[in-house]
């Protein structure tokens, strides 16, 4: 006996209702599971659980989308998942995760987000053989790096890498922005590249800033950069900056004290210059060097219009050189150049007394 059509219809309705209930139960269980994971699961274990997913990347993407809805601030986990997916070659999943992140509040992770987006586009280009696709992706790459540079969406520790990427894309303006930011970096390789690169506007001031930063390092290399820094500052007429660097340099190499004295005088620090020349005078065992340092000390004070101090210094030492005609003549000329005829006459009379 065949089943009644009424019974068949009731059975079908029952089966359909049962299937709908099952689907709803599955969805409810899935949402509860997400809630428990997102709210109660320890963050480190949660990160491990997501990043360990190797088979169903689409499900992982759905899971993270729902987790983000439940906990909107938890974008770091999704960012990490995108980065790991990219490293493993799962470009579709990485792109999906980045798209989701782009629609959320990215203010706290924008630098990292742009960095991963840029890396994704580079990888997509490297893995494609389609010229049209590559050309379009290259435009996306240029657009991304320009935005990163202009809006400052990069860390200074990565500036050298961004600079090189910009050069590879022939984006000179972006390259300049990255390079100029390196002066505040602590990366020695980045600073050295900045110091030696002389392209673009404001190159000279940027180079000097990077060179000075290198000069503040430690070890033998620091001395090389100190010498380069004070030389460049002196060439630009920035004698105070040159003197500041030379003061650090003489602590590791006293042989630069003579140059420091010159820079101090050029910077208007006439008393400091004279003091340093006299320090050199007292520490020198060479008679000729001592004479030269004394004249330089007197001249430094004279240049600073400190005539009384200059005359007093010359008179303090003039008796030591009464037997040196060339030196006494130089001292007399110094007195006369400072309009101190009285001091010149006194020294001349001493010479006459000596010759009697």
C-alpha atoms as a PDB file:
ATOM      1  CA  UNK A   1       0.000   0.000   0.000  1.00  0.00           C
ATOM      2  CA  UNK A   2       1.506   3.319  -1.084  1.00  0.00           C
ATOM      3  CA  UNK A   3       1.910   6.148   1.511  1.00  0.00           C
ATOM      4  CA  UNK A   4      -0.807   8.762   1.683  1.00  0.00           C
ATOM      5  CA  UNK A   5       0.024  12.085  -0.041  1.00  0.00           C
ATOM      6  CA  UNK A   6      -1.002  13.850   3.174  1.00  0.00           C
ATOM      7  CA  UNK A   7       1.480  11.835   5.232  1.00  0.00           C
ATOM      8  CA  UNK A   8       4.240  12.573   2.684  1.00  0.00           C
ATOM      9  CA  UNK A   9       3.522  16.282   2.858  1.00  0.00           C
ATOM     10  CA  UNK A  10       3.584  16.243   6.683  1.00  0.00           C
ATOM     11  CA  UNK A  11       6.856  14.312   6.654  1.00  0.00           C
ATOM     12  CA  UNK A  12       8.444  16.785   4.219  1.00  0.00           C
ATOM     13  CA  UNK A  13       7.322  19.749   6.363  1.00  0.00           C
ATOM     14  CA  UNK A  14       8.685  18.058   9.468  1.00  0.00           C
ATOM     15  CA  UNK A  15      12.015  17.326   7.771  1.00  0.00           C
ATOM     16  CA  UNK A  16      12.246  20.913   6.493  1.00  0.00           C
ATOM     17  CA  UNK A  17      11.525  22.338   9.960  1.00  0.00           C
ATOM     18  CA  UNK A  18      14.048  19.958  11.468  1.00  0.00           C
ATOM     19  CA  UNK A  19      16.694  21.026   8.905  1.00  0.00           C
ATOM     20  CA  UNK A  20      16.013  24.728   9.627  1.00  0.00           C
ATOM     21  CA  UNK A  21      16.324  24.063  13.345  1.00  0.00           C
ATOM     22  CA  UNK A  22      19.580  22.257  12.747  1.00  0.00           C
ATOM     23  CA  UNK A  23      20.986  25.160  10.728  1.00  0.00           C
ATOM     24  CA  UNK A  24      19.930  27.630  13.397  1.00  0.00           C
ATOM     25  CA  UNK A  25      21.504  25.476  16.072  1.00  0.00           C
ATOM     26  CA  UNK A  26      24.751  25.272  14.111  1.00  0.00           C
ATOM     27  CA  UNK A  27      24.804  29.040  13.632  1.00  0.00           C
ATOM     28  CA  UNK A  28      24.015  29.610  17.327  1.00  0.00           C
ATOM     29  CA  UNK A  29      26.752  27.194  18.383  1.00  0.00           C
ATOM     30  CA  UNK A  30      29.214  28.910  16.024  1.00  0.00           C
ATOM     31  CA  UNK A  31      28.384  32.368  17.410  1.00  0.00           C
ATOM     32  CA  UNK A  32      28.651  31.133  21.006  1.00  0.00           C
ATOM     33  CA  UNK A  33      31.973  29.549  20.110  1.00  0.00           C
ATOM     34  CA  UNK A  34      33.197  32.844  18.671  1.00  0.00           C
ATOM     35  CA  UNK A  35      32.001  34.733  21.736  1.00  0.00           C
ATOM     36  CA  UNK A  36      33.713  32.343  24.130  1.00  0.00           C
ATOM     37  CA  UNK A  37      36.960  32.497  22.162  1.00  0.00           C
ATOM     38  CA  UNK A  38      36.955  36.268  21.790  1.00  0.00           C
ATOM     39  CA  UNK A  39      35.909  37.097  25.355  1.00  0.00           C
ATOM     40  CA  UNK A  40      37.149  34.270  27.535  1.00  0.00           C
ATOM     41  CA  UNK A  41      40.054  32.712  25.659  1.00  0.00           C
ATOM     42  CA  UNK A  42      43.486  34.004  26.704  1.00  0.00           C
ATOM     43  CA  UNK A  43      44.843  36.291  23.992  1.00  0.00           C
ATOM     44  CA  UNK A  44      48.092  34.341  23.449  1.00  0.00           C
ATOM     45  CA  UNK A  45      46.214  31.060  23.068  1.00  0.00           C
ATOM     46  CA  UNK A  46      43.710  32.748  20.753  1.00  0.00           C
ATOM     47  CA  UNK A  47      46.529  34.066  18.565  1.00  0.00           C
ATOM     48  CA  UNK A  48      48.108  30.595  18.463  1.00  0.00           C
ATOM     49  CA  UNK A  49      44.761  29.003  17.547  1.00  0.00           C
ATOM     50  CA  UNK A  50      44.176  31.353  14.606  1.00  0.00           C
ATOM     51  CA  UNK A  51      47.713  31.352  13.256  1.00  0.00           C
ATOM     52  CA  UNK A  52      47.870  27.566  13.422  1.00  0.00           C
ATOM     53  CA  UNK A  53      44.955  27.273  10.940  1.00  0.00           C
ATOM     54  CA  UNK A  54      46.452  25.720   7.800  1.00  0.00           C
ATOM     55  CA  UNK A  55      43.555  24.166   5.888  1.00  0.00           C
ATOM     56  CA  UNK A  56      40.399  26.296   5.708  1.00  0.00           C
ATOM     57  CA  UNK A  57      41.639  29.860   5.192  1.00  0.00           C
ATOM     58  CA  UNK A  58      38.181  31.065   4.160  1.00  0.00           C
ATOM     59  CA  UNK A  59      36.777  29.853   7.497  1.00  0.00           C
ATOM     60  CA  UNK A  60      39.596  31.620   9.311  1.00  0.00           C
ATOM     61  CA  UNK A  61      38.699  34.831   7.501  1.00  0.00           C
ATOM     62  CA  UNK A  62      35.027  34.453   8.446  1.00  0.00           C
ATOM     63  CA  UNK A  63      36.014  33.688  12.032  1.00  0.00           C
ATOM     64  CA  UNK A  64      38.154  36.826  12.255  1.00  0.00           C
ATOM     65  CA  UNK A  65      35.457  38.994  10.679  1.00  0.00           C
ATOM     66  CA  UNK A  66      32.989  37.855  13.324  1.00  0.00           C
ATOM     67  CA  UNK A  67      35.540  38.204  16.088  1.00  0.00           C
ATOM     68  CA  UNK A  68      36.174  41.783  14.994  1.00  0.00           C
ATOM     69  CA  UNK A  69      32.442  42.509  15.192  1.00  0.00           C
ATOM     70  CA  UNK A  70      32.326  41.082  18.703  1.00  0.00           C
ATOM     71  CA  UNK A  71      35.501  42.864  19.790  1.00  0.00           C
ATOM     72  CA  UNK A  72      36.172  45.836  17.437  1.00  0.00           C
ATOM     73  CA  UNK A  73      39.400  46.853  19.184  1.00  0.00           C
ATOM     74  CA  UNK A  74      41.077  43.487  18.619  1.00  0.00           C
ATOM     75  CA  UNK A  75      42.657  44.372  15.266  1.00  0.00           C
ATOM     76  CA  UNK A  76      46.200  43.391  16.219  1.00  0.00           C
ATOM     77  CA  UNK A  77      45.401  39.695  16.023  1.00  0.00           C
ATOM     78  CA  UNK A  78      43.949  40.078  12.547  1.00  0.00           C
ATOM     79  CA  UNK A  79      46.964  42.144  11.478  1.00  0.00           C
ATOM     80  CA  UNK A  80      49.310  39.430  12.727  1.00  0.00           C
ATOM     81  CA  UNK A  81      47.266  36.769  10.944  1.00  0.00           C
ATOM     82  CA  UNK A  82      47.463  38.736   7.681  1.00  0.00           C
ATOM     83  CA  UNK A  83      51.222  39.098   8.004  1.00  0.00           C
ATOM     84  CA  UNK A  84      51.746  35.401   8.745  1.00  0.00           C
ATOM     85  CA  UNK A  85      49.419  34.395   5.910  1.00  0.00           C
ATOM     86  CA  UNK A  86      51.436  36.559   3.535  1.00  0.00           C
ATOM     87  CA  UNK A  87      54.706  35.049   4.745  1.00  0.00           C
ATOM     88  CA  UNK A  88      53.293  31.554   4.157  1.00  0.00           C
ATOM     89  CA  UNK A  89      52.228  32.456   0.634  1.00  0.00           C
ATOM     90  CA  UNK A  90      48.491  32.550   1.334  1.00  0.00           C
ATOM     91  CA  UNK A  91      47.929  35.787  -0.586  1.00  0.00           C
ATOM     92  CA  UNK A  92      44.144  35.426  -0.919  1.00  0.00           C
ATOM     93  CA  UNK A  93      43.669  35.115   2.829  1.00  0.00           C
ATOM     94  CA  UNK A  94      46.110  37.960   3.517  1.00  0.00           C
ATOM     95  CA  UNK A  95      44.239  40.204   1.065  1.00  0.00           C
ATOM     96  CA  UNK A  96      40.865  39.282   2.591  1.00  0.00           C
ATOM     97  CA  UNK A  97      42.086  40.090   6.102  1.00  0.00           C
ATOM     98  CA  UNK A  98      43.574  43.398   4.989  1.00  0.00           C
ATOM     99  CA  UNK A  99      40.298  44.319   3.286  1.00  0.00           C
ATOM    100  CA  UNK A 100      38.436  43.644   6.535  1.00  0.00           C
ATOM    101  CA  UNK A 101      40.930  45.700   8.500  1.00  0.00           C
ATOM    102  CA  UNK A 102      40.678  48.553   6.013  1.00  0.00           C
ATOM    103  CA  UNK A 103      36.972  48.846   6.817  1.00  0.00           C
ATOM    104  CA  UNK A 104      37.612  49.073  10.560  1.00  0.00           C
ATOM    105  CA  UNK A 105      39.215  51.820  12.659  1.00  0.00           C
ATOM    106  CA  UNK A 106      42.861  51.526  11.578  1.00  0.00           C
ATOM    107  CA  UNK A 107      44.224  54.622  13.308  1.00  0.00           C
ATOM    108  CA  UNK A 108      46.248  52.593  15.824  1.00  0.00           C
ATOM    109  CA  UNK A 109      47.673  50.133  13.285  1.00  0.00           C
ATOM    110  CA  UNK A 110      47.844  52.216  10.108  1.00  0.00           C
ATOM    111  CA  UNK A 111      51.641  52.071   9.839  1.00  0.00           C
ATOM    112  CA  UNK A 112      51.709  48.282  10.150  1.00  0.00           C
ATOM    113  CA  UNK A 113      48.706  47.948   7.847  1.00  0.00           C
ATOM    114  CA  UNK A 114      50.333  49.980   5.066  1.00  0.00           C
ATOM    115  CA  UNK A 115      53.562  48.045   5.487  1.00  0.00           C
ATOM    116  CA  UNK A 116      51.809  44.693   5.019  1.00  0.00           C
ATOM    117  CA  UNK A 117      49.700  46.030   2.123  1.00  0.00           C
ATOM    118  CA  UNK A 118      52.856  47.197   0.359  1.00  0.00           C
ATOM    119  CA  UNK A 119      54.519  43.806   0.929  1.00  0.00           C
ATOM    120  CA  UNK A 120      51.420  42.025  -0.392  1.00  0.00           C
ATOM    121  CA  UNK A 121      51.400  44.047  -3.621  1.00  0.00           C
ATOM    122  CA  UNK A 122      55.126  43.386  -4.152  1.00  0.00           C
ATOM    123  CA  UNK A 123      54.541  39.665  -3.682  1.00  0.00           C
ATOM    124  CA  UNK A 124      51.570  39.684  -6.080  1.00  0.00           C
ATOM    125  CA  UNK A 125      53.739  41.360  -8.730  1.00  0.00           C
ATOM    126  CA  UNK A 126      56.573  38.878  -8.184  1.00  0.00           C
ATOM    127  CA  UNK A 127      54.259  35.886  -8.610  1.00  0.00           C
ATOM    128  CA  UNK A 128      52.447  37.126 -11.719  1.00  0.00           C
ATOM    129  CA  UNK A 129      53.398  36.837 -15.388  1.00  0.00           C
ATOM    130  CA  UNK A 130      50.490  38.933 -16.677  1.00  0.00           C
ATOM    131  CA  UNK A 131      51.867  42.280 -17.974  1.00  0.00           C
ATOM    132  CA  UNK A 132      48.553  44.106 -17.546  1.00  0.00           C
ATOM    133  CA  UNK A 133      48.111  42.825 -13.994  1.00  0.00           C
ATOM    134  CA  UNK A 134      51.703  43.748 -13.123  1.00  0.00           C
ATOM    135  CA  UNK A 135      51.271  47.255 -14.575  1.00  0.00           C
ATOM    136  CA  UNK A 136      48.107  47.824 -12.509  1.00  0.00           C
ATOM    137  CA  UNK A 137      49.696  46.473  -9.343  1.00  0.00           C
ATOM    138  CA  UNK A 138      52.747  48.657  -9.903  1.00  0.00           C
ATOM    139  CA  UNK A 139      50.442  51.695  -9.959  1.00  0.00           C
ATOM    140  CA  UNK A 140      48.956  50.489  -6.667  1.00  0.00           C
ATOM    141  CA  UNK A 141      52.480  50.130  -5.290  1.00  0.00           C
ATOM    142  CA  UNK A 142      53.395  53.709  -6.279  1.00  0.00           C
ATOM    143  CA  UNK A 143      50.147  55.052  -4.839  1.00  0.00           C
ATOM    144  CA  UNK A 144      50.750  53.192  -1.573  1.00  0.00           C
ATOM    145  CA  UNK A 145      54.355  54.310  -1.096  1.00  0.00           C
ATOM    146  CA  UNK A 146      53.465  57.924  -1.901  1.00  0.00           C
ATOM    147  CA  UNK A 147      50.738  57.849   0.753  1.00  0.00           C
ATOM    148  CA  UNK A 148      53.113  56.270   3.270  1.00  0.00           C
ATOM    149  CA  UNK A 149      55.715  58.978   2.644  1.00  0.00           C
ATOM    150  CA  UNK A 150      53.421  62.001   2.502  1.00  0.00           C
ATOM    151  CA  UNK A 151      51.392  61.029   5.583  1.00  0.00           C
ATOM    152  CA  UNK A 152      54.386  59.802   7.567  1.00  0.00           C
ATOM    153  CA  UNK A 153      52.951  56.285   7.915  1.00  0.00           C
ATOM    154  CA  UNK A 154      56.302  54.637   8.645  1.00  0.00           C
ATOM    155  CA  UNK A 155      58.678  54.060  11.529  1.00  0.00           C
ATOM    156  CA  UNK A 156      62.074  55.742  11.362  1.00  0.00           C
ATOM    157  CA  UNK A 157      63.760  52.391  11.947  1.00  0.00           C
ATOM    158  CA  UNK A 158      62.326  51.281   8.562  1.00  0.00           C
ATOM    159  CA  UNK A 159      63.118  54.544   6.732  1.00  0.00           C
ATOM    160  CA  UNK A 160      66.153  53.138   4.894  1.00  0.00           C
ATOM    161  CA  UNK A 161      64.121  50.225   3.483  1.00  0.00           C
ATOM    162  CA  UNK A 162      61.332  52.593   2.419  1.00  0.00           C
ATOM    163  CA  UNK A 163      63.931  54.881   0.829  1.00  0.00           C
ATOM    164  CA  UNK A 164      65.322  52.022  -1.251  1.00  0.00           C
ATOM    165  CA  UNK A 165      61.822  50.886  -2.283  1.00  0.00           C
ATOM    166  CA  UNK A 166      60.994  54.454  -3.361  1.00  0.00           C
ATOM    167  CA  UNK A 167      64.167  54.657  -5.438  1.00  0.00           C
ATOM    168  CA  UNK A 168      63.345  51.323  -7.089  1.00  0.00           C
ATOM    169  CA  UNK A 169      59.953  52.782  -8.068  1.00  0.00           C
ATOM    170  CA  UNK A 170      61.586  56.056  -9.246  1.00  0.00           C
ATOM    171  CA  UNK A 171      59.558  57.998  -6.674  1.00  0.00           C
ATOM    172  CA  UNK A 172      62.140  60.698  -5.907  1.00  0.00           C
ATOM    173  CA  UNK A 173      59.900  62.843  -3.737  1.00  0.00           C
ATOM    174  CA  UNK A 174      58.984  59.906  -1.501  1.00  0.00           C
ATOM    175  CA  UNK A 175      62.633  58.815  -1.411  1.00  0.00           C
ATOM    176  CA  UNK A 176      63.635  62.292  -0.197  1.00  0.00           C
ATOM    177  CA  UNK A 177      61.025  62.210   2.562  1.00  0.00           C
ATOM    178  CA  UNK A 178      62.255  58.839   3.816  1.00  0.00           C
ATOM    179  CA  UNK A 179      65.899  59.909   3.631  1.00  0.00           C
ATOM    180  CA  UNK A 180      65.312  63.161   5.485  1.00  0.00           C
ATOM    181  CA  UNK A 181      63.683  61.270   8.350  1.00  0.00           C
ATOM    182  CA  UNK A 182      66.779  59.118   8.834  1.00  0.00           C
ATOM    183  CA  UNK A 183      68.671  61.897  10.641  1.00  0.00           C
ATOM    184  CA  UNK A 184      66.612  60.995  13.699  1.00  0.00           C
ATOM    185  CA  UNK A 185      67.279  57.283  13.337  1.00  0.00           C
ATOM    186  CA  UNK A 186      69.598  55.153  15.435  1.00  0.00           C
ATOM    187  CA  UNK A 187      70.279  52.723  12.592  1.00  0.00           C
ATOM    188  CA  UNK A 188      73.937  53.156  11.693  1.00  0.00           C
ATOM    189  CA  UNK A 189      73.569  51.744   8.167  1.00  0.00           C
ATOM    190  CA  UNK A 190      70.666  54.103   7.495  1.00  0.00           C
ATOM    191  CA  UNK A 191      72.594  57.097   8.817  1.00  0.00           C
ATOM    192  CA  UNK A 192      75.650  56.246   6.733  1.00  0.00           C
ATOM    193  CA  UNK A 193      73.560  56.001   3.569  1.00  0.00           C
ATOM    194  CA  UNK A 194      71.924  59.312   4.454  1.00  0.00           C
ATOM    195  CA  UNK A 195      75.330  60.884   5.111  1.00  0.00           C
ATOM    196  CA  UNK A 196      76.754  59.776   1.769  1.00  0.00           C
ATOM    197  CA  UNK A 197      73.694  60.413  -0.429  1.00  0.00           C
ATOM    198  CA  UNK A 198      73.732  63.848  -2.047  1.00  0.00           C
ATOM    199  CA  UNK A 199      70.572  63.895  -4.143  1.00  0.00           C
ATOM    200  CA  UNK A 200      67.608  66.204  -3.949  1.00  0.00           C
ATOM    201  CA  UNK A 201      66.797  69.433  -2.204  1.00  0.00           C
ATOM    202  CA  UNK A 202      68.333  70.295   1.173  1.00  0.00           C
ATOM    203  CA  UNK A 203      70.841  67.491   0.646  1.00  0.00           C
ATOM    204  CA  UNK A 204      73.668  69.348   2.352  1.00  0.00           C
ATOM    205  CA  UNK A 205      71.831  70.066   5.604  1.00  0.00           C
ATOM    206  CA  UNK A 206      70.385  66.545   5.643  1.00  0.00           C
ATOM    207  CA  UNK A 207      73.848  65.032   5.114  1.00  0.00           C
ATOM    208  CA  UNK A 208      75.329  67.066   7.936  1.00  0.00           C
ATOM    209  CA  UNK A 209      72.496  66.113  10.311  1.00  0.00           C
ATOM    210  CA  UNK A 210      73.122  62.427   9.615  1.00  0.00           C
ATOM    211  CA  UNK A 211      76.908  62.853   9.864  1.00  0.00           C
ATOM    212  CA  UNK A 212      76.575  64.612  13.217  1.00  0.00           C
ATOM    213  CA  UNK A 213      74.342  61.811  14.501  1.00  0.00           C
ATOM    214  CA  UNK A 214      77.008  59.303  13.446  1.00  0.00           C
ATOM    215  CA  UNK A 215      79.656  61.416  15.163  1.00  0.00           C
ATOM    216  CA  UNK A 216      77.861  60.872  18.466  1.00  0.00           C
ATOM    217  CA  UNK A 217      78.456  57.147  18.275  1.00  0.00           C
ATOM    218  CA  UNK A 218      81.233  55.179  19.876  1.00  0.00           C
ATOM    219  CA  UNK A 219      84.401  53.571  18.598  1.00  0.00           C
ATOM    220  CA  UNK A 220      86.940  54.535  15.907  1.00  0.00           C
ATOM    221  CA  UNK A 221      84.225  55.250  13.343  1.00  0.00           C
ATOM    222  CA  UNK A 222      82.848  58.097  15.471  1.00  0.00           C
ATOM    223  CA  UNK A 223      86.119  60.026  15.088  1.00  0.00           C
ATOM    224  CA  UNK A 224      85.871  59.831  11.292  1.00  0.00           C
ATOM    225  CA  UNK A 225      82.360  61.281  11.366  1.00  0.00           C
ATOM    226  CA  UNK A 226      83.373  64.000  13.864  1.00  0.00           C
ATOM    227  CA  UNK A 227      86.071  65.147  11.455  1.00  0.00           C
ATOM    228  CA  UNK A 228      83.590  65.121   8.562  1.00  0.00           C
ATOM    229  CA  UNK A 229      80.973  67.005  10.600  1.00  0.00           C
ATOM    230  CA  UNK A 230      83.160  69.860  11.862  1.00  0.00           C
ATOM    231  CA  UNK A 231      84.699  70.258   8.398  1.00  0.00           C
ATOM    232  CA  UNK A 232      81.291  70.586   6.718  1.00  0.00           C
ATOM    233  CA  UNK A 233      80.050  73.000   9.383  1.00  0.00           C
ATOM    234  CA  UNK A 234      83.186  75.114   9.007  1.00  0.00           C
ATOM    235  CA  UNK A 235      82.763  75.158   5.208  1.00  0.00           C
ATOM    236  CA  UNK A 236      79.217  76.466   5.704  1.00  0.00           C
ATOM    237  CA  UNK A 237      80.453  79.133   8.128  1.00  0.00           C
ATOM    238  CA  UNK A 238      78.726  77.486  11.088  1.00  0.00           C
ATOM    239  CA  UNK A 239      81.711  77.913  13.371  1.00  0.00           C
ATOM    240  CA  UNK A 240      79.831  77.438  16.632  1.00  0.00           C
ATOM    241  CA  UNK A 241      78.620  74.008  15.531  1.00  0.00           C
ATOM    242  CA  UNK A 242      82.117  73.174  14.290  1.00  0.00           C
ATOM    243  CA  UNK A 243      83.571  74.198  17.658  1.00  0.00           C
ATOM    244  CA  UNK A 244      81.034  72.084  19.569  1.00  0.00           C
ATOM    245  CA  UNK A 245      82.003  68.984  17.614  1.00  0.00           C
ATOM    246  CA  UNK A 246      85.720  69.741  17.935  1.00  0.00           C
ATOM    247  CA  UNK A 247      85.334  69.972  21.704  1.00  0.00           C
ATOM    248  CA  UNK A 248      84.169  66.375  21.665  1.00  0.00           C
ATOM    249  CA  UNK A 249      86.879  65.408  19.213  1.00  0.00           C
ATOM    250  CA  UNK A 250      89.772  66.758  21.317  1.00  0.00           C
ATOM    251  CA  UNK A 251      88.676  64.490  24.184  1.00  0.00           C
ATOM    252  CA  UNK A 252      89.660  61.473  22.104  1.00  0.00           C
ATOM    253  CA  UNK A 253      92.388  63.174  20.060  1.00  0.00           C
ATOM    254  CA  UNK A 254      94.136  66.194  21.689  1.00  0.00           C
ATOM    255  CA  UNK A 255      95.898  66.826  18.381  1.00  0.00           C
ATOM    256  CA  UNK A 256      92.846  68.846  17.281  1.00  0.00           C
ATOM    257  CA  UNK A 257      93.157  71.448  20.058  1.00  0.00           C
ATOM    258  CA  UNK A 258      94.883  73.908  17.723  1.00  0.00           C
ATOM    259  CA  UNK A 259      91.988  73.664  15.233  1.00  0.00           C
ATOM    260  CA  UNK A 260      89.479  73.960  18.066  1.00  0.00           C
ATOM    261  CA  UNK A 261      91.151  77.190  19.178  1.00  0.00           C
ATOM    262  CA  UNK A 262      90.795  78.515  15.621  1.00  0.00           C
ATOM    263  CA  UNK A 263      87.109  77.563  15.471  1.00  0.00           C
ATOM    264  CA  UNK A 264      86.428  79.145  18.854  1.00  0.00           C
ATOM    265  CA  UNK A 265      87.944  82.395  17.635  1.00  0.00           C
ATOM    266  CA  UNK A 266      85.942  82.169  14.396  1.00  0.00           C
ATOM    267  CA  UNK A 267      82.809  81.533  16.476  1.00  0.00           C
ATOM    268  CA  UNK A 268      83.458  84.651  18.548  1.00  0.00           C
ATOM    269  CA  UNK A 269      84.682  82.803  21.627  1.00  0.00           C
ATOM    270  CA  UNK A 270      87.868  84.842  21.830  1.00  0.00           C
ATOM    271  CA  UNK A 271      88.699  84.282  25.505  1.00  0.00           C
ATOM    272  CA  UNK A 272      88.211  80.513  25.164  1.00  0.00           C
ATOM    273  CA  UNK A 273      90.397  80.549  22.075  1.00  0.00           C
ATOM    274  CA  UNK A 274      93.174  82.458  23.867  1.00  0.00           C
ATOM    275  CA  UNK A 275      92.960  80.138  26.871  1.00  0.00           C
ATOM    276  CA  UNK A 276      93.338  77.085  24.673  1.00  0.00           C
ATOM    277  CA  UNK A 277      96.302  78.598  22.820  1.00  0.00           C
ATOM    278  CA  UNK A 278      97.974  79.269  26.171  1.00  0.00           C
ATOM    279  CA  UNK A 279      97.252  75.690  27.255  1.00  0.00           C
ATOM    280  CA  UNK A 280      99.024  74.568  24.102  1.00  0.00           C
ATOM    281  CA  UNK A 281     101.799  77.069  24.860  1.00  0.00           C
ATOM    282  CA  UNK A 282     102.438  75.617  28.314  1.00  0.00           C
ATOM    283  CA  UNK A 283     102.229  71.983  27.180  1.00  0.00           C
ATOM    284  CA  UNK A 284     104.568  72.372  24.200  1.00  0.00           C
ATOM    285  CA  UNK A 285     108.254  71.555  24.426  1.00  0.00           C
ATOM    286  CA  UNK A 286     109.035  73.245  21.105  1.00  0.00           C
ATOM    287  CA  UNK A 287     110.372  76.786  21.371  1.00  0.00           C
ATOM    288  CA  UNK A 288     109.050  77.740  17.929  1.00  0.00           C
ATOM    289  CA  UNK A 289     105.624  76.292  18.675  1.00  0.00           C
ATOM    290  CA  UNK A 290     105.453  78.129  21.973  1.00  0.00           C
ATOM    291  CA  UNK A 291     106.149  81.454  20.235  1.00  0.00           C
ATOM    292  CA  UNK A 292     103.451  80.748  17.650  1.00  0.00           C
ATOM    293  CA  UNK A 293     100.868  79.864  20.320  1.00  0.00           C
ATOM    294  CA  UNK A 294     101.594  83.025  22.307  1.00  0.00           C
ATOM    295  CA  UNK A 295     101.128  85.244  19.243  1.00  0.00           C
ATOM    296  CA  UNK A 296      97.897  83.389  18.354  1.00  0.00           C
ATOM    297  CA  UNK A 297      96.563  83.866  21.894  1.00  0.00           C
ATOM    298  CA  UNK A 298      97.326  87.600  21.781  1.00  0.00           C
ATOM    299  CA  UNK A 299      95.771  87.879  18.315  1.00  0.00           C
ATOM    300  CA  UNK A 300      92.601  86.045  19.444  1.00  0.00           C
ATOM    301  CA  UNK A 301      92.099  88.583  22.252  1.00  0.00           C
ATOM    302  CA  UNK A 302      92.863  91.435  19.848  1.00  0.00           C
ATOM    303  CA  UNK A 303      90.290  90.103  17.362  1.00  0.00           C
ATOM    304  CA  UNK A 304      87.754  90.168  20.163  1.00  0.00           C
ATOM    305  CA  UNK A 305      88.737  93.784  20.961  1.00  0.00           C
ATOM    306  CA  UNK A 306      89.953  92.669  24.370  1.00  0.00           C
ATOM    307  CA  UNK A 307      92.943  94.961  24.075  1.00  0.00           C
ATOM    308  CA  UNK A 308      93.770  95.287  27.769  1.00  0.00           C
ATOM    309  CA  UNK A 309      93.831  91.513  28.185  1.00  0.00           C
ATOM    310  CA  UNK A 310      95.927  91.109  25.038  1.00  0.00           C
ATOM    311  CA  UNK A 311      98.497  93.721  26.142  1.00  0.00           C
ATOM    312  CA  UNK A 312      98.644  92.249  29.641  1.00  0.00           C
ATOM    313  CA  UNK A 313      99.267  88.768  28.211  1.00  0.00           C
ATOM    314  CA  UNK A 314     102.027  90.012  25.899  1.00  0.00           C
ATOM    315  CA  UNK A 315     103.719  92.005  28.670  1.00  0.00           C
ATOM    316  CA  UNK A 316     103.625  88.988  30.998  1.00  0.00           C
ATOM    317  CA  UNK A 317     105.793  86.987  28.575  1.00  0.00           C
ATOM    318  CA  UNK A 318     107.803  89.643  26.699  1.00  0.00           C
ATOM    319  CA  UNK A 319     110.840  89.367  28.977  1.00  0.00           C
ATOM    320  CA  UNK A 320     111.222  85.717  28.004  1.00  0.00           C
ATOM    321  CA  UNK A 321     111.936  86.800  24.426  1.00  0.00           C
ATOM    322  CA  UNK A 322     114.214  89.830  24.821  1.00  0.00           C
ATOM    323  CA  UNK A 323     117.033  87.903  23.169  1.00  0.00           C
ATOM    324  CA  UNK A 324     114.784  86.880  20.260  1.00  0.00           C
ATOM    325  CA  UNK A 325     114.732  89.890  17.953  1.00  0.00           C
ATOM    326  CA  UNK A 326     112.127  88.447  15.566  1.00  0.00           C
ATOM    327  CA  UNK A 327     109.748  87.693  18.428  1.00  0.00           C
ATOM    328  CA  UNK A 328     110.163  91.087  20.103  1.00  0.00           C
ATOM    329  CA  UNK A 329     109.483  92.805  16.783  1.00  0.00           C
ATOM    330  CA  UNK A 330     106.262  90.807  16.431  1.00  0.00           C
ATOM    331  CA  UNK A 331     105.196  91.835  19.941  1.00  0.00           C
ATOM    332  CA  UNK A 332     105.933  95.514  19.203  1.00  0.00           C
ATOM    333  CA  UNK A 333     103.788  95.259  16.038  1.00  0.00           C
ATOM    334  CA  UNK A 334     100.952  93.754  18.076  1.00  0.00           C
ATOM    335  CA  UNK A 335     101.112  96.643  20.550  1.00  0.00           C
ATOM    336  CA  UNK A 336     101.056  99.186  17.739  1.00  0.00           C
ATOM    337  CA  UNK A 337      98.175  97.435  15.969  1.00  0.00           C
ATOM    338  CA  UNK A 338      96.183  97.897  19.190  1.00  0.00           C
ATOM    339  CA  UNK A 339      97.203 101.597  19.334  1.00  0.00           C
ATOM    340  CA  UNK A 340      99.166 101.011  22.517  1.00  0.00           C
ATOM    341  CA  UNK A 341     102.238 103.126  21.751  1.00  0.00           C
ATOM    342  CA  UNK A 342     103.216 103.191  25.421  1.00  0.00           C
ATOM    343  CA  UNK A 343     103.615  99.379  25.580  1.00  0.00           C
ATOM    344  CA  UNK A 344     105.541  99.381  22.294  1.00  0.00           C
ATOM    345  CA  UNK A 345     107.896 102.132  23.575  1.00  0.00           C
ATOM    346  CA  UNK A 346     108.505 100.275  26.858  1.00  0.00           C
ATOM    347  CA  UNK A 347     109.517  97.085  25.025  1.00  0.00           C
ATOM    348  CA  UNK A 348     111.740  99.105  22.651  1.00  0.00           C
ATOM    349  CA  UNK A 349     113.523 100.680  25.642  1.00  0.00           C
ATOM    350  CA  UNK A 350     114.076  97.208  27.115  1.00  0.00           C
ATOM    351  CA  UNK A 351     115.737  96.176  23.868  1.00  0.00           C
ATOM    352  CA  UNK A 352     117.999  99.255  23.968  1.00  0.00           C
ATOM    353  CA  UNK A 353     118.971  98.447  27.538  1.00  0.00           C
ATOM    354  CA  UNK A 354     119.729  94.887  26.463  1.00  0.00           C
ATOM    355  CA  UNK A 355     122.063  96.060  23.707  1.00  0.00           C
ATOM    356  CA  UNK A 356     124.129  98.342  25.926  1.00  0.00           C
END
